[in-house]
Amino acid sequence: MHTALFELCRRYADTHADRHGVAVTPVPGLTIIRALHPGDLQAAINRPLIAMLLQGRKCVTTGAERFEYGPGEAMVIAADVPTTSQITQASLRHPYYALVLELDVAILRELQSAAPAEQEDGLYVGIEPMNAEVTDAAYRLTRLVEHPQVLAVLGEGLRRELHYWLLHSVHGAAIRALGAADSYSERISRAVAVLRKDFSRTLSVEELAGVAGMSVSVFHQHFRAITTTSPLQFQKQLRLIHARRLMLAEGTSIAQVAWTVGYASVSQFTREYARMYGVPPGRDRRIAREGA
């Protein structure tokens, strides 16, 4: 089944991938990634997802943990977690392919009654083998991406089935916590939504704790446990990730980028950008142009 899923994803990605190697499918939250060579270090704050690796290898670092995975393995991220990642094995002859599904919290909530009752266990990021049920459901869903009429009838049921099997996987307890009303994960996700929306303005910890319905000390404790970082560092990374996209994709000037994402000082922006990406913004842009 892994081979059949790989062939489906390969054909679709080879036809539909954009210049960044992203092939968006008509299934909500389902994307296929293709890379023809090892990549640069990429920073992101992922939404909860499962990334099923079909060919190639990838290294992902979050907090103090480093994960490396390859074909037949899946990375589960069951919270909004800052990561740095790098595709480490890919070539023209053997490209990197991965099938990525963003987890749908609404579906998870609907399925709560069908999942075994367990406490939140804090395993928000991890690697697991692609088990037969998850692989089979992913194959049957992906098979419909080029058949819109069938997808319209069967697609939502297959998305629900895939979420169901993920709830019963190794990381099911953490995934289930995403959909549990008033769980720590759900409360922290409220604060994360505010950070994602308003990252360019100054947000106090007191305001974010209020959104989560927690005291400041409890909020700090659970925010770091779930996202692996502090609220201030989380916001800083959001700003720098957005700044890099503006600068590289749209050609916005460094000063304008710094102001847009919420920095009052270009020098502070430059220092923090270099600390996160390893090079200052001007040099990073030149490297990107030369690579293009």
Protein backbone atom coordinates (compact mmCIF):
# COMPACT_ATOMS: atom_id res chain seq x y z
CA MET A 1 0.00 0.00 0.00
CA HIS A 2 2.92 2.36 0.69
CA THR A 3 4.12 1.86 -2.91
CA ALA A 4 0.64 2.56 -4.32
CA LEU A 5 0.33 5.75 -2.24
CA PHE A 6 3.80 6.84 -3.34
CA GLU A 7 2.93 6.39 -7.04
CA LEU A 8 -0.28 8.40 -6.66
CA CYS A 9 1.51 11.26 -4.91
CA ARG A 10 4.45 11.20 -7.31
CA ARG A 11 2.23 11.53 -10.38
CA TYR A 12 0.15 14.32 -8.87
CA ALA A 13 3.15 16.29 -7.55
CA ASP A 14 5.10 15.96 -10.81
CA THR A 15 2.13 17.51 -12.63
CA HIS A 16 0.90 20.10 -10.14
CA ALA A 17 3.83 21.20 -7.94
CA ASP A 18 4.62 24.92 -8.07
CA ARG A 19 8.13 26.38 -8.21
CA HIS A 20 8.46 25.84 -4.46
CA GLY A 21 7.60 22.15 -4.82
CA VAL A 22 4.12 22.45 -3.26
CA ALA A 23 1.21 20.66 -4.91
CA VAL A 24 -2.06 21.79 -3.32
CA THR A 25 -4.91 19.29 -3.68
CA PRO A 26 -8.67 19.96 -3.71
CA VAL A 27 -8.94 18.11 -0.38
CA PRO A 28 -8.96 20.68 2.48
CA GLY A 29 -5.61 20.64 4.28
CA LEU A 30 -4.04 17.97 2.04
CA THR A 31 -0.79 18.91 0.26
CA ILE A 32 1.95 16.98 -1.51
CA ILE A 33 5.53 18.24 -1.26
CA ARG A 34 8.24 17.51 -3.84
CA ALA A 35 11.92 18.50 -3.72
CA LEU A 36 14.55 17.76 -6.37
CA HIS A 37 17.58 18.44 -4.17
CA PRO A 38 18.46 18.82 -0.47
CA GLY A 39 17.13 22.10 0.89
CA ASP A 40 18.23 25.00 3.01
CA LEU A 41 17.28 25.21 6.67
CA GLN A 42 13.65 26.34 6.93
CA ALA A 43 11.95 27.85 9.97
CA ALA A 44 8.21 27.53 10.51
CA ILE A 45 5.53 27.39 13.15
CA ASN A 46 3.49 24.47 11.96
CA ARG A 47 -0.17 24.02 12.52
CA PRO A 48 -1.08 20.56 13.85
CA LEU A 49 -0.40 18.07 11.05
CA ILE A 50 0.84 14.68 9.98
CA ALA A 51 3.57 14.52 7.32
CA MET A 52 3.87 11.10 5.67
CA LEU A 53 7.28 10.73 4.07
CA LEU A 54 7.21 8.63 0.89
CA GLN A 55 10.71 9.13 -0.57
CA GLY A 56 13.84 10.95 0.61
CA ARG A 57 14.78 11.99 4.13
CA LYS A 58 14.14 14.99 6.34
CA CYS A 59 15.51 16.36 9.63
CA VAL A 60 13.30 18.42 11.94
CA THR A 61 14.33 20.17 15.16
CA THR A 62 11.90 21.47 17.74
CA GLY A 63 13.03 22.78 21.09
CA ALA A 64 15.86 20.54 22.27
CA GLU A 65 14.71 17.53 20.23
CA ARG A 66 15.93 16.48 16.80
CA PHE A 67 14.03 14.07 14.58
CA GLU A 68 15.15 12.42 11.37
CA TYR A 69 12.78 10.31 9.34
CA GLY A 70 12.51 8.56 6.01
CA PRO A 71 10.18 6.53 3.75
CA GLY A 72 7.37 4.74 5.52
CA GLU A 73 7.53 7.04 8.56
CA ALA A 74 5.31 9.94 9.54
CA MET A 75 5.92 13.00 11.68
CA VAL A 76 2.98 13.97 13.85
CA ILE A 77 2.85 17.53 15.19
CA ALA A 78 -0.14 17.80 17.52
CA ALA A 79 0.27 21.47 18.50
CA ASP A 80 1.43 24.81 17.06
CA VAL A 81 5.14 24.11 17.44
CA PRO A 82 8.09 26.18 16.09
CA THR A 83 10.41 24.00 14.02
CA THR A 84 13.51 24.23 11.89
CA SER A 85 13.68 21.62 9.17
CA GLN A 86 15.83 20.52 6.25
CA ILE A 87 15.31 18.02 3.47
CA THR A 88 18.53 16.01 3.66
CA GLN A 89 18.04 13.48 0.86
CA ALA A 90 16.58 14.34 -2.55
CA SER A 91 17.79 14.29 -6.16
CA LEU A 92 16.53 14.63 -9.72
CA ARG A 93 16.56 10.86 -10.02
CA HIS A 94 14.99 10.23 -6.62
CA PRO A 95 13.03 13.33 -5.52
CA TYR A 96 11.72 13.88 -2.04
CA TYR A 97 7.95 13.31 -1.73
CA ALA A 98 5.75 13.78 1.31
CA LEU A 99 2.00 13.81 1.84
CA VAL A 100 0.95 16.40 4.45
CA LEU A 101 -2.45 16.63 6.14
CA GLU A 102 -3.35 19.50 8.47
CA LEU A 103 -5.42 18.11 11.32
CA ASP A 104 -9.00 19.39 11.38
CA VAL A 105 -10.02 20.26 14.93
CA ALA A 106 -13.73 20.24 14.03
CA ILE A 107 -13.48 16.62 12.85
CA LEU A 108 -11.48 15.64 15.94
CA ARG A 109 -14.21 17.08 18.16
CA GLU A 110 -16.88 15.11 16.32
CA LEU A 111 -14.88 11.92 16.81
CA GLN A 112 -14.19 12.38 20.52
CA SER A 113 -16.89 9.93 21.58
CA ALA A 114 -15.40 7.21 19.36
CA ALA A 115 -11.86 7.55 20.79
CA PRO A 116 -10.67 5.82 23.98
CA ALA A 117 -10.52 8.09 27.01
CA GLU A 118 -6.95 9.01 27.91
CA GLN A 119 -5.30 11.96 29.58
CA GLU A 120 -3.18 14.47 27.72
CA ASP A 121 0.33 13.04 27.73
CA GLY A 122 2.44 15.85 26.28
CA LEU A 123 3.71 13.84 23.26
CA TYR A 124 3.00 16.67 20.88
CA VAL A 125 5.75 15.88 18.36
CA GLY A 126 7.07 12.54 17.27
CA ILE A 127 7.83 10.03 14.54
CA GLU A 128 5.78 6.91 14.01
CA PRO A 129 5.63 4.21 11.32
CA MET A 130 2.84 4.67 8.77
CA ASN A 131 0.50 1.92 9.94
CA ALA A 132 -1.73 0.01 7.55
CA GLU A 133 -4.97 1.78 8.47
CA VAL A 134 -3.57 5.31 8.10
CA THR A 135 -1.81 4.42 4.84
CA ASP A 136 -4.89 2.77 3.36
CA ALA A 137 -7.17 5.70 4.26
CA ALA A 138 -4.62 8.19 2.88
CA TYR A 139 -4.40 6.20 -0.37
CA ARG A 140 -8.15 6.07 -0.89
CA LEU A 141 -8.48 9.81 -0.18
CA THR A 142 -5.56 10.82 -2.41
CA ARG A 143 -6.91 8.63 -5.22
CA LEU A 144 -9.89 11.00 -5.50
CA VAL A 145 -7.97 14.29 -5.92
CA GLU A 146 -8.31 14.17 -9.71
CA HIS A 147 -11.93 13.01 -9.61
CA PRO A 148 -13.85 16.04 -8.28
CA GLN A 149 -17.34 14.56 -8.64
CA VAL A 150 -16.43 11.47 -6.61
CA LEU A 151 -14.45 13.59 -4.14
CA ALA A 152 -17.51 15.76 -3.51
CA VAL A 153 -19.47 12.68 -2.43
CA LEU A 154 -16.87 10.55 -0.63
CA GLY A 155 -14.09 12.96 0.33
CA GLU A 156 -15.41 14.18 3.67
CA GLY A 157 -16.05 10.64 4.87
CA LEU A 158 -12.52 9.61 3.98
CA ARG A 159 -11.08 12.65 5.77
CA ARG A 160 -13.03 11.63 8.87
CA GLU A 161 -11.78 8.05 8.57
CA LEU A 162 -8.16 9.22 8.31
CA HIS A 163 -8.59 11.38 11.41
CA TYR A 164 -10.18 8.41 13.19
CA TRP A 165 -7.18 6.16 12.56
CA LEU A 166 -4.80 8.94 13.63
CA LEU A 167 -6.69 9.20 16.92
CA HIS A 168 -5.88 5.51 17.44
CA SER A 169 -2.21 5.89 16.51
CA VAL A 170 0.81 6.16 18.82
CA HIS A 171 0.21 9.90 19.26
CA GLY A 172 -3.56 9.59 19.57
CA ALA A 173 -3.74 11.08 23.07
CA ALA A 174 -2.03 14.32 22.03
CA ILE A 175 -4.08 14.52 18.81
CA ARG A 176 -7.26 13.93 20.78
CA ALA A 177 -6.40 16.78 23.13
CA LEU A 178 -6.61 19.18 20.16
CA GLY A 179 -10.32 18.51 19.88
CA ALA A 180 -11.13 18.22 23.57
CA ALA A 181 -13.05 21.23 24.79
CA ASP A 182 -11.21 23.07 27.58
CA SER A 183 -8.11 20.85 27.45
CA TYR A 184 -4.76 22.56 27.96
CA SER A 185 -4.07 22.14 24.24
CA GLU A 186 -7.36 23.78 23.31
CA ARG A 187 -6.79 26.68 25.70
CA ILE A 188 -3.25 27.31 24.46
CA SER A 189 -4.50 27.13 20.86
CA ARG A 190 -6.77 30.12 21.60
CA ALA A 191 -3.75 32.18 22.61
CA VAL A 192 -1.78 30.93 19.60
CA ALA A 193 -4.62 32.06 17.31
CA VAL A 194 -4.29 35.58 18.72
CA LEU A 195 -0.50 35.49 18.27
CA ARG A 196 -0.84 34.36 14.66
CA LYS A 197 -3.37 37.06 13.88
CA ASP A 198 -1.74 39.97 15.72
CA PHE A 199 1.97 39.05 15.82
CA SER A 200 3.03 42.54 14.68
CA ARG A 201 1.58 44.32 17.73
CA THR A 202 2.76 44.19 21.31
CA LEU A 203 0.89 41.47 23.19
CA SER A 204 1.24 41.11 26.94
CA VAL A 205 1.42 37.74 28.63
CA GLU A 206 -1.50 38.86 30.81
CA GLU A 207 -3.65 39.39 27.69
CA LEU A 208 -2.74 35.99 26.25
CA ALA A 209 -3.30 34.24 29.58
CA GLY A 210 -6.73 35.86 29.74
CA VAL A 211 -7.59 34.51 26.28
CA ALA A 212 -6.55 31.03 27.45
CA GLY A 213 -8.51 31.40 30.70
CA MET A 214 -5.46 30.74 32.87
CA SER A 215 -3.37 32.52 35.44
CA VAL A 216 -0.12 33.93 34.09
CA SER A 217 2.05 31.32 35.83
CA VAL A 218 -0.09 28.36 34.69
CA PHE A 219 -0.29 29.80 31.17
CA HIS A 220 3.51 30.12 30.98
CA GLN A 221 3.97 26.54 32.18
CA HIS A 222 1.58 24.96 29.68
CA PHE A 223 2.48 27.24 26.77
CA ARG A 224 6.11 26.16 27.01
CA ALA A 225 5.20 22.48 27.58
CA ILE A 226 3.02 22.40 24.46
CA THR A 227 4.85 24.72 22.04
CA THR A 228 8.40 24.14 23.42
CA THR A 229 8.98 27.90 23.70
CA SER A 230 7.82 31.02 25.55
CA PRO A 231 5.02 33.31 24.26
CA LEU A 232 7.56 36.09 23.57
CA GLN A 233 9.86 33.78 21.61
CA PHE A 234 6.89 32.33 19.76
CA GLN A 235 5.83 35.81 18.64
CA LYS A 236 9.40 36.68 17.66
CA GLN A 237 9.65 33.61 15.45
CA LEU A 238 6.30 34.41 13.83
CA ARG A 239 7.60 37.89 13.01
CA LEU A 240 10.86 36.64 11.54
CA ILE A 241 9.20 33.89 9.48
CA HIS A 242 6.74 36.41 8.02
CA ALA A 243 9.57 38.90 7.45
CA ARG A 244 11.58 36.36 5.45
CA ARG A 245 8.59 35.56 3.26
CA LEU A 246 7.96 39.25 2.57
CA MET A 247 11.60 39.91 1.78
CA LEU A 248 12.28 36.90 -0.44
CA ALA A 249 8.93 36.44 -2.14
CA GLU A 250 7.88 40.07 -2.59
CA GLY A 251 11.18 41.93 -2.63
CA THR A 252 10.16 44.26 0.20
CA SER A 253 13.01 46.39 1.57
CA ILE A 254 14.61 45.36 4.84
CA ALA A 255 13.52 48.53 6.64
CA GLN A 256 9.92 48.16 5.43
CA VAL A 257 9.85 44.49 6.40
CA ALA A 258 11.14 45.27 9.89
CA TRP A 259 8.44 47.90 10.40
CA THR A 260 5.67 45.73 8.94
CA VAL A 261 6.29 42.81 11.29
CA GLY A 262 6.48 45.01 14.38
CA TYR A 263 10.11 46.05 14.91
CA ALA A 264 10.86 49.66 15.83
CA SER A 265 14.60 49.17 15.21
CA VAL A 266 16.10 47.85 11.97
CA SER A 267 19.32 46.95 13.78
CA GLN A 268 17.43 44.82 16.33
CA PHE A 269 15.55 43.13 13.48
CA THR A 270 18.83 42.42 11.67
CA ARG A 271 20.43 40.92 14.80
CA GLU A 272 17.49 38.66 15.57
CA TYR A 273 17.10 37.63 11.92
CA ALA A 274 20.76 36.61 11.75
CA ARG A 275 20.45 34.70 15.02
CA MET A 276 17.52 32.69 13.66
CA TYR A 277 18.63 32.11 10.06
CA GLY A 278 22.41 32.18 10.45
CA VAL A 279 22.91 35.13 8.06
CA PRO A 280 21.75 38.77 8.10
CA PRO A 281 18.70 39.61 5.95
CA GLY A 282 20.63 41.36 3.15
CA ARG A 283 22.97 38.41 2.64
CA ASP A 284 20.09 35.95 2.88
CA ARG A 285 18.32 37.76 0.05
CA ARG A 286 21.44 37.73 -2.11
CA ILE A 287 21.90 33.99 -1.50
CA ALA A 288 18.28 33.37 -2.48
CA ARG A 289 18.65 35.38 -5.70
CA GLU A 290 21.83 33.56 -6.65
CA GLY A 291 20.15 30.21 -5.97
CA ALA A 292 17.17 31.17 -8.11
